[in-house]
C-alpha atoms as a PDB file:
ATOM      1  CA  UNK A   1     -13.267  14.664  -7.814  1.00  0.00           C
ATOM      2  CA  UNK A   2     -15.625  13.124 -10.763  1.00  0.00           C
ATOM      3  CA  UNK A   3     -17.865  10.667 -10.676  1.00  0.00           C
ATOM      4  CA  UNK A   4     -19.762   8.737 -13.546  1.00  0.00           C
ATOM      5  CA  UNK A   5     -23.145   7.219 -12.434  1.00  0.00           C
ATOM      6  CA  UNK A   6     -24.500   4.592 -15.288  1.00  0.00           C
ATOM      7  CA  UNK A   7     -28.244   4.389 -14.089  1.00  0.00           C
ATOM      8  CA  UNK A   8     -31.533   4.575 -15.955  1.00  0.00           C
ATOM      9  CA  UNK A   9     -33.646   5.144 -12.574  1.00  0.00           C
ATOM     10  CA  UNK A  10     -34.265   8.740 -11.953  1.00  0.00           C
ATOM     11  CA  UNK A  11     -35.485   8.354  -8.899  1.00  0.00           C
ATOM     12  CA  UNK A  12     -31.763   6.482  -8.160  1.00  0.00           C
ATOM     13  CA  UNK A  13     -30.147   9.324  -9.776  1.00  0.00           C
ATOM     14  CA  UNK A  14     -31.374  11.547  -7.732  1.00  0.00           C
ATOM     15  CA  UNK A  15     -30.513   9.817  -4.727  1.00  0.00           C
ATOM     16  CA  UNK A  16     -26.879   9.427  -5.407  1.00  0.00           C
ATOM     17  CA  UNK A  17     -26.443  13.126  -6.590  1.00  0.00           C
ATOM     18  CA  UNK A  18     -28.333  14.367  -3.616  1.00  0.00           C
ATOM     19  CA  UNK A  19     -25.457  11.890  -1.787  1.00  0.00           C
ATOM     20  CA  UNK A  20     -22.689  13.971  -2.979  1.00  0.00           C
ATOM     21  CA  UNK A  21     -23.905  17.350  -2.933  1.00  0.00           C
ATOM     22  CA  UNK A  22     -24.889  16.782   0.997  1.00  0.00           C
ATOM     23  CA  UNK A  23     -21.437  14.306   1.310  1.00  0.00           C
ATOM     24  CA  UNK A  24     -18.934  15.859  -1.133  1.00  0.00           C
ATOM     25  CA  UNK A  25     -19.940  18.401  -1.802  1.00  0.00           C
ATOM     26  CA  UNK A  26     -16.621  19.496  -4.497  1.00  0.00           C
ATOM     27  CA  UNK A  27     -17.318  16.344  -6.891  1.00  0.00           C
ATOM     28  CA  UNK A  28     -18.810  16.236 -10.134  1.00  0.00           C
ATOM     29  CA  UNK A  29     -21.521  14.032 -10.651  1.00  0.00           C
ATOM     30  CA  UNK A  30     -22.379  13.233 -14.282  1.00  0.00           C
ATOM     31  CA  UNK A  31     -25.085  11.004 -14.992  1.00  0.00           C
ATOM     32  CA  UNK A  32     -26.437   8.815 -17.988  1.00  0.00           C
ATOM     33  CA  UNK A  33     -28.610   6.245 -18.302  1.00  0.00           C
ATOM     34  CA  UNK A  34     -27.313   4.210 -20.742  1.00  0.00           C
ATOM     35  CA  UNK A  35     -24.470   1.616 -21.173  1.00  0.00           C
ATOM     36  CA  UNK A  36     -23.496   3.089 -24.005  1.00  0.00           C
ATOM     37  CA  UNK A  37     -23.513   6.605 -23.332  1.00  0.00           C
ATOM     38  CA  UNK A  38     -21.488   5.592 -20.237  1.00  0.00           C
ATOM     39  CA  UNK A  39     -19.081   3.638 -22.490  1.00  0.00           C
ATOM     40  CA  UNK A  40     -18.767   6.431 -24.845  1.00  0.00           C
ATOM     41  CA  UNK A  41     -18.256   9.100 -22.211  1.00  0.00           C
ATOM     42  CA  UNK A  42     -15.198   6.831 -20.711  1.00  0.00           C
ATOM     43  CA  UNK A  43     -13.718   6.533 -24.208  1.00  0.00           C
ATOM     44  CA  UNK A  44     -13.015  10.691 -24.108  1.00  0.00           C
ATOM     45  CA  UNK A  45     -13.071  11.297 -20.548  1.00  0.00           C
ATOM     46  CA  UNK A  46     -11.400   9.800 -17.363  1.00  0.00           C
ATOM     47  CA  UNK A  47     -13.461  10.525 -13.976  1.00  0.00           C
ATOM     48  CA  UNK A  48     -12.304   8.929 -10.768  1.00  0.00           C
ATOM     49  CA  UNK A  49     -14.849   6.246 -10.243  1.00  0.00           C
ATOM     50  CA  UNK A  50     -18.003   4.596 -11.998  1.00  0.00           C
ATOM     51  CA  UNK A  51     -21.195   3.685 -10.155  1.00  0.00           C
ATOM     52  CA  UNK A  52     -22.658   1.467 -12.382  1.00  0.00           C
ATOM     53  CA  UNK A  53     -26.280  -0.316 -12.496  1.00  0.00           C
ATOM     54  CA  UNK A  54     -26.553  -4.088 -13.654  1.00  0.00           C
ATOM     55  CA  UNK A  55     -29.698  -3.927 -15.034  1.00  0.00           C
ATOM     56  CA  UNK A  56     -29.921  -1.154 -17.613  1.00  0.00           C
ATOM     57  CA  UNK A  57     -31.992  -1.166 -20.776  1.00  0.00           C
ATOM     58  CA  UNK A  58     -29.911  -1.252 -23.383  1.00  0.00           C
ATOM     59  CA  UNK A  59     -26.939  -3.268 -22.676  1.00  0.00           C
ATOM     60  CA  UNK A  60     -25.987  -5.150 -19.511  1.00  0.00           C
ATOM     61  CA  UNK A  61     -23.764  -4.239 -16.541  1.00  0.00           C
ATOM     62  CA  UNK A  62     -21.402  -6.668 -17.537  1.00  0.00           C
ATOM     63  CA  UNK A  63     -20.941  -5.926 -20.732  1.00  0.00           C
ATOM     64  CA  UNK A  64     -20.439  -2.174 -19.749  1.00  0.00           C
ATOM     65  CA  UNK A  65     -17.497  -3.715 -17.614  1.00  0.00           C
ATOM     66  CA  UNK A  66     -16.174  -5.788 -20.150  1.00  0.00           C
ATOM     67  CA  UNK A  67     -15.944  -2.767 -22.486  1.00  0.00           C
ATOM     68  CA  UNK A  68     -14.159  -0.693 -20.005  1.00  0.00           C
ATOM     69  CA  UNK A  69     -11.878  -3.021 -18.582  1.00  0.00           C
ATOM     70  CA  UNK A  70     -10.184  -3.532 -22.203  1.00  0.00           C
ATOM     71  CA  UNK A  71      -8.865  -0.296 -21.561  1.00  0.00           C
ATOM     72  CA  UNK A  72      -9.345   1.218 -18.343  1.00  0.00           C
ATOM     73  CA  UNK A  73      -8.670   0.257 -14.337  1.00  0.00           C
ATOM     74  CA  UNK A  74     -10.942   3.086 -13.318  1.00  0.00           C
ATOM     75  CA  UNK A  75     -12.460   2.054  -9.874  1.00  0.00           C
ATOM     76  CA  UNK A  76     -16.042   0.366 -10.790  1.00  0.00           C
ATOM     77  CA  UNK A  77     -18.882  -0.138  -8.001  1.00  0.00           C
ATOM     78  CA  UNK A  78     -21.679  -1.798  -9.145  1.00  0.00           C
ATOM     79  CA  UNK A  79     -25.203  -1.258  -7.451  1.00  0.00           C
ATOM     80  CA  UNK A  80     -27.906  -3.548  -8.010  1.00  0.00           C
ATOM     81  CA  UNK A  81     -31.181  -5.248  -6.118  1.00  0.00           C
ATOM     82  CA  UNK A  82     -29.450  -9.046  -6.496  1.00  0.00           C
ATOM     83  CA  UNK A  83     -27.890 -10.071  -4.211  1.00  0.00           C
ATOM     84  CA  UNK A  84     -26.910 -13.516  -4.567  1.00  0.00           C
ATOM     85  CA  UNK A  85     -23.206 -14.723  -4.490  1.00  0.00           C
ATOM     86  CA  UNK A  86     -23.254 -16.052  -7.975  1.00  0.00           C
ATOM     87  CA  UNK A  87     -24.168 -12.158  -9.262  1.00  0.00           C
ATOM     88  CA  UNK A  88     -21.185 -10.985  -6.908  1.00  0.00           C
ATOM     89  CA  UNK A  89     -18.628 -13.457  -7.690  1.00  0.00           C
ATOM     90  CA  UNK A  90     -19.588 -12.380 -12.013  1.00  0.00           C
ATOM     91  CA  UNK A  91     -19.241  -8.850 -11.127  1.00  0.00           C
ATOM     92  CA  UNK A  92     -15.914  -8.878  -9.440  1.00  0.00           C
ATOM     93  CA  UNK A  93     -14.310 -11.740 -11.410  1.00  0.00           C
ATOM     94  CA  UNK A  94     -15.099  -9.491 -15.079  1.00  0.00           C
ATOM     95  CA  UNK A  95     -13.484  -6.398 -12.992  1.00  0.00           C
ATOM     96  CA  UNK A  96     -15.708  -4.730 -10.598  1.00  0.00           C
ATOM     97  CA  UNK A  97     -13.851  -3.116  -7.769  1.00  0.00           C
ATOM     98  CA  UNK A  98     -16.837  -3.371  -5.116  1.00  0.00           C
ATOM     99  CA  UNK A  99     -20.789  -4.106  -5.060  1.00  0.00           C
ATOM    100  CA  UNK A 100     -23.545  -2.624  -3.711  1.00  0.00           C
ATOM    101  CA  UNK A 101     -26.991  -4.142  -3.266  1.00  0.00           C
ATOM    102  CA  UNK A 102     -30.327  -2.064  -3.569  1.00  0.00           C
ATOM    103  CA  UNK A 103     -31.582  -0.022  -1.128  1.00  0.00           C
ATOM    104  CA  UNK A 104     -28.165   1.021   0.501  1.00  0.00           C
ATOM    105  CA  UNK A 105     -27.770   4.526   2.514  1.00  0.00           C
ATOM    106  CA  UNK A 106     -25.994   7.555   0.783  1.00  0.00           C
ATOM    107  CA  UNK A 107     -23.463   7.550   3.954  1.00  0.00           C
ATOM    108  CA  UNK A 108     -22.848   3.814   3.022  1.00  0.00           C
ATOM    109  CA  UNK A 109     -22.221   4.973  -0.622  1.00  0.00           C
ATOM    110  CA  UNK A 110     -20.027   7.820   0.277  1.00  0.00           C
ATOM    111  CA  UNK A 111     -17.806   5.382   2.632  1.00  0.00           C
ATOM    112  CA  UNK A 112     -17.720   3.152  -0.379  1.00  0.00           C
ATOM    113  CA  UNK A 113     -16.374   5.062  -2.615  1.00  0.00           C
ATOM    114  CA  UNK A 114     -13.855   7.173  -0.242  1.00  0.00           C
ATOM    115  CA  UNK A 115     -12.411   3.903   0.238  1.00  0.00           C
ATOM    116  CA  UNK A 116     -12.114   2.212  -3.082  1.00  0.00           C
ATOM    117  CA  UNK A 117     -10.559   5.680  -4.124  1.00  0.00           C
ATOM    118  CA  UNK A 118      -7.991   5.157  -1.067  1.00  0.00           C
ATOM    119  CA  UNK A 119      -7.024   2.134  -2.378  1.00  0.00           C
ATOM    120  CA  UNK A 120      -6.496   3.044  -6.495  1.00  0.00           C
ATOM    121  CA  UNK A 121      -4.527   6.355  -5.661  1.00  0.00           C
ATOM    122  CA  UNK A 122      -2.297   4.476  -2.875  1.00  0.00           C
ATOM    123  CA  UNK A 123      -1.616   1.165  -4.125  1.00  0.00           C
ATOM    124  CA  UNK A 124       1.124   1.753  -5.569  1.00  0.00           C
ATOM    125  CA  UNK A 125       3.414   0.927  -3.026  1.00  0.00           C
ATOM    126  CA  UNK A 126       6.388  -0.874  -4.282  1.00  0.00           C
ATOM    127  CA  UNK A 127       6.560  -5.007  -4.975  1.00  0.00           C
ATOM    128  CA  UNK A 128       7.092  -7.587  -2.692  1.00  0.00           C
ATOM    129  CA  UNK A 129       9.010 -10.947  -3.612  1.00  0.00           C
ATOM    130  CA  UNK A 130       8.277 -14.022  -2.207  1.00  0.00           C
ATOM    131  CA  UNK A 131      10.663 -16.664  -3.805  1.00  0.00           C
ATOM    132  CA  UNK A 132       8.996 -16.297  -7.314  1.00  0.00           C
ATOM    133  CA  UNK A 133       5.911 -14.904  -6.975  1.00  0.00           C
ATOM    134  CA  UNK A 134       5.987 -11.029  -6.759  1.00  0.00           C
ATOM    135  CA  UNK A 135       3.343  -8.163  -6.797  1.00  0.00           C
ATOM    136  CA  UNK A 136       4.421  -4.618  -8.222  1.00  0.00           C
ATOM    137  CA  UNK A 137       3.699  -1.276  -7.553  1.00  0.00           C
ATOM    138  CA  UNK A 138       0.865  -1.475 -10.542  1.00  0.00           C
ATOM    139  CA  UNK A 139      -1.038  -4.469  -8.962  1.00  0.00           C
ATOM    140  CA  UNK A 140       0.468  -7.091 -11.173  1.00  0.00           C
ATOM    141  CA  UNK A 141       0.524 -10.388  -9.983  1.00  0.00           C
ATOM    142  CA  UNK A 142       3.847 -12.093 -11.039  1.00  0.00           C
ATOM    143  CA  UNK A 143       5.613 -15.375 -11.317  1.00  0.00           C
ATOM    144  CA  UNK A 144       7.899 -16.464 -13.380  1.00  0.00           C
ATOM    145  CA  UNK A 145       7.107 -14.383 -16.129  1.00  0.00           C
ATOM    146  CA  UNK A 146       3.137 -14.909 -15.838  1.00  0.00           C
ATOM    147  CA  UNK A 147       1.417 -12.192 -14.631  1.00  0.00           C
ATOM    148  CA  UNK A 148      -2.116 -11.266 -13.909  1.00  0.00           C
ATOM    149  CA  UNK A 149      -3.829  -7.946 -12.830  1.00  0.00           C
ATOM    150  CA  UNK A 150      -5.182  -7.717  -9.194  1.00  0.00           C
ATOM    151  CA  UNK A 151      -8.107  -4.936  -8.295  1.00  0.00           C
ATOM    152  CA  UNK A 152      -7.050  -2.436  -5.930  1.00  0.00           C
ATOM    153  CA  UNK A 153      -9.083  -4.653  -2.832  1.00  0.00           C
ATOM    154  CA  UNK A 154      -7.213  -7.583  -4.165  1.00  0.00           C
ATOM    155  CA  UNK A 155      -4.215  -6.149  -4.223  1.00  0.00           C
ATOM    156  CA  UNK A 156      -4.606  -5.112  -0.817  1.00  0.00           C
ATOM    157  CA  UNK A 157      -5.456  -8.197   0.512  1.00  0.00           C
ATOM    158  CA  UNK A 158      -2.645 -10.263  -1.091  1.00  0.00           C
ATOM    159  CA  UNK A 159       0.016  -7.495  -0.212  1.00  0.00           C
ATOM    160  CA  UNK A 160      -1.066  -8.588   3.298  1.00  0.00           C
ATOM    161  CA  UNK A 161      -0.635 -11.948   2.576  1.00  0.00           C
ATOM    162  CA  UNK A 162       2.749 -11.549   1.140  1.00  0.00           C
ATOM    163  CA  UNK A 163       3.731  -9.557   3.838  1.00  0.00           C
ATOM    164  CA  UNK A 164       2.959 -12.560   6.933  1.00  0.00           C
ATOM    165  CA  UNK A 165       3.511 -15.144   4.587  1.00  0.00           C
ATOM    166  CA  UNK A 166       2.625 -18.703   6.646  1.00  0.00           C
ATOM    167  CA  UNK A 167       0.853 -16.397   9.252  1.00  0.00           C
ATOM    168  CA  UNK A 168      -2.996 -15.799   9.616  1.00  0.00           C
ATOM    169  CA  UNK A 169      -3.895 -11.967   8.274  1.00  0.00           C
ATOM    170  CA  UNK A 170      -7.081 -12.027  10.494  1.00  0.00           C
ATOM    171  CA  UNK A 171     -10.278 -10.988   8.817  1.00  0.00           C
ATOM    172  CA  UNK A 172     -10.513  -7.662  10.798  1.00  0.00           C
ATOM    173  CA  UNK A 173      -7.235  -6.489   9.532  1.00  0.00           C
ATOM    174  CA  UNK A 174      -8.221  -6.950   6.204  1.00  0.00           C
ATOM    175  CA  UNK A 175     -11.294  -4.849   6.881  1.00  0.00           C
ATOM    176  CA  UNK A 176      -9.575  -2.185   8.908  1.00  0.00           C
ATOM    177  CA  UNK A 177      -7.167  -1.812   5.787  1.00  0.00           C
ATOM    178  CA  UNK A 178      -9.238  -2.079   2.774  1.00  0.00           C
ATOM    179  CA  UNK A 179     -12.196   0.065   4.315  1.00  0.00           C
ATOM    180  CA  UNK A 180     -10.521   1.470   7.237  1.00  0.00           C
ATOM    181  CA  UNK A 181     -12.645   2.601  10.165  1.00  0.00           C
ATOM    182  CA  UNK A 182     -15.915   2.401   9.366  1.00  0.00           C
ATOM    183  CA  UNK A 183     -18.965  -0.082   9.286  1.00  0.00           C
ATOM    184  CA  UNK A 184     -19.105  -0.653   6.163  1.00  0.00           C
ATOM    185  CA  UNK A 185     -17.190  -3.626   5.382  1.00  0.00           C
ATOM    186  CA  UNK A 186     -18.429  -6.891   4.409  1.00  0.00           C
ATOM    187  CA  UNK A 187     -17.209 -10.078   5.093  1.00  0.00           C
ATOM    188  CA  UNK A 188     -18.642 -11.358   2.167  1.00  0.00           C
ATOM    189  CA  UNK A 189     -16.910  -9.454  -0.418  1.00  0.00           C
ATOM    190  CA  UNK A 190     -13.508 -10.709   1.442  1.00  0.00           C
ATOM    191  CA  UNK A 191     -14.665 -13.771   0.609  1.00  0.00           C
ATOM    192  CA  UNK A 192     -15.105 -13.494  -2.861  1.00  0.00           C
ATOM    193  CA  UNK A 193     -11.755 -11.385  -3.093  1.00  0.00           C
ATOM    194  CA  UNK A 194      -9.526 -14.312  -1.594  1.00  0.00           C
ATOM    195  CA  UNK A 195     -11.726 -16.578  -3.807  1.00  0.00           C
ATOM    196  CA  UNK A 196     -10.513 -14.826  -6.773  1.00  0.00           C
ATOM    197  CA  UNK A 197      -6.799 -14.833  -5.689  1.00  0.00           C
ATOM    198  CA  UNK A 198      -7.252 -18.614  -5.209  1.00  0.00           C
ATOM    199  CA  UNK A 199      -8.027 -19.388  -8.573  1.00  0.00           C
ATOM    200  CA  UNK A 200      -5.428 -16.661  -9.891  1.00  0.00           C
ATOM    201  CA  UNK A 201      -2.781 -18.835  -7.764  1.00  0.00           C
ATOM    202  CA  UNK A 202      -4.366 -22.453  -9.383  1.00  0.00           C
ATOM    203  CA  UNK A 203      -3.149 -21.227 -12.794  1.00  0.00           C
ATOM    204  CA  UNK A 204       0.402 -20.682 -12.751  1.00  0.00           C
ATOM    205  CA  UNK A 205       3.175 -23.280 -11.372  1.00  0.00           C
ATOM    206  CA  UNK A 206       3.712 -22.484  -7.984  1.00  0.00           C
ATOM    207  CA  UNK A 207       2.729 -24.471  -4.862  1.00  0.00           C
ATOM    208  CA  UNK A 208       1.570 -21.181  -3.149  1.00  0.00           C
ATOM    209  CA  UNK A 209      -2.030 -21.926  -1.691  1.00  0.00           C
ATOM    210  CA  UNK A 210      -4.334 -19.682   0.499  1.00  0.00           C
ATOM    211  CA  UNK A 211      -5.774 -21.649   3.686  1.00  0.00           C
ATOM    212  CA  UNK A 212      -8.851 -20.455   5.732  1.00  0.00           C
ATOM    213  CA  UNK A 213      -8.676 -20.256   9.242  1.00  0.00           C
ATOM    214  CA  UNK A 214     -12.903 -20.441   9.502  1.00  0.00           C
ATOM    215  CA  UNK A 215     -14.078 -16.806  11.481  1.00  0.00           C
ATOM    216  CA  UNK A 216     -10.490 -15.688  11.827  1.00  0.00           C
ATOM    217  CA  UNK A 217      -8.558 -15.387   9.036  1.00  0.00           C
ATOM    218  CA  UNK A 218      -6.412 -15.775   6.067  1.00  0.00           C
ATOM    219  CA  UNK A 219      -3.159 -17.882   5.640  1.00  0.00           C
ATOM    220  CA  UNK A 220      -0.696 -17.565   2.158  1.00  0.00           C
ATOM    221  CA  UNK A 221       0.753 -20.721   2.602  1.00  0.00           C
ATOM    222  CA  UNK A 222       4.852 -21.005   1.328  1.00  0.00           C
ATOM    223  CA  UNK A 223       6.721 -23.861   1.711  1.00  0.00           C
ATOM    224  CA  UNK A 224      10.161 -23.166   3.261  1.00  0.00           C
ATOM    225  CA  UNK A 225      11.755 -24.291   0.381  1.00  0.00           C
ATOM    226  CA  UNK A 226      10.412 -21.286  -1.825  1.00  0.00           C
ATOM    227  CA  UNK A 227      10.468 -18.695   0.491  1.00  0.00           C
END
């Protein structure tokens, strides 16, 4: 397993390297300090995951995400000191898969990496069809010929919702399915992904929507005549 770390802070570079050497000794950690170096590395290499800092000295992490998503769906975890929901939403909207705020623990980082890799490599579960709405085995959400690519986490959430139309899927069920049985499962991240899915549904001519039951969960509402 190869990890690409795009981070200019030497202490954080060492922190991540130690985390993997202790908790995931078989992993190869490649570290670069500049965004352009990371993009260049990815043009000729295929690591399993990218850990990306937003505040780089040459180009921003946002620009790196944009460059990567032009040709690759490799999982990306953003790390930053910024903790506002605006930054989280922007990162995820641009194609990042997860977001971790500094400072964080080494165990949390490894748990997030494992969870994201699990979702990425085991996301191909066949297609699900509800009326004209389809999610295929490549995490493409399709409605009547119009398609949108979902991140691994978004794909898992949409699958859960499509598997249980017009019924509440609890937040706890989503957390367990996405991150497994560990404590690093932020509800705020689920809210952001739900927001992205709602935005996608608003762009296609269907009458499906995602409703929320405060503090409990979410429901994909499908009118009876379209189910």
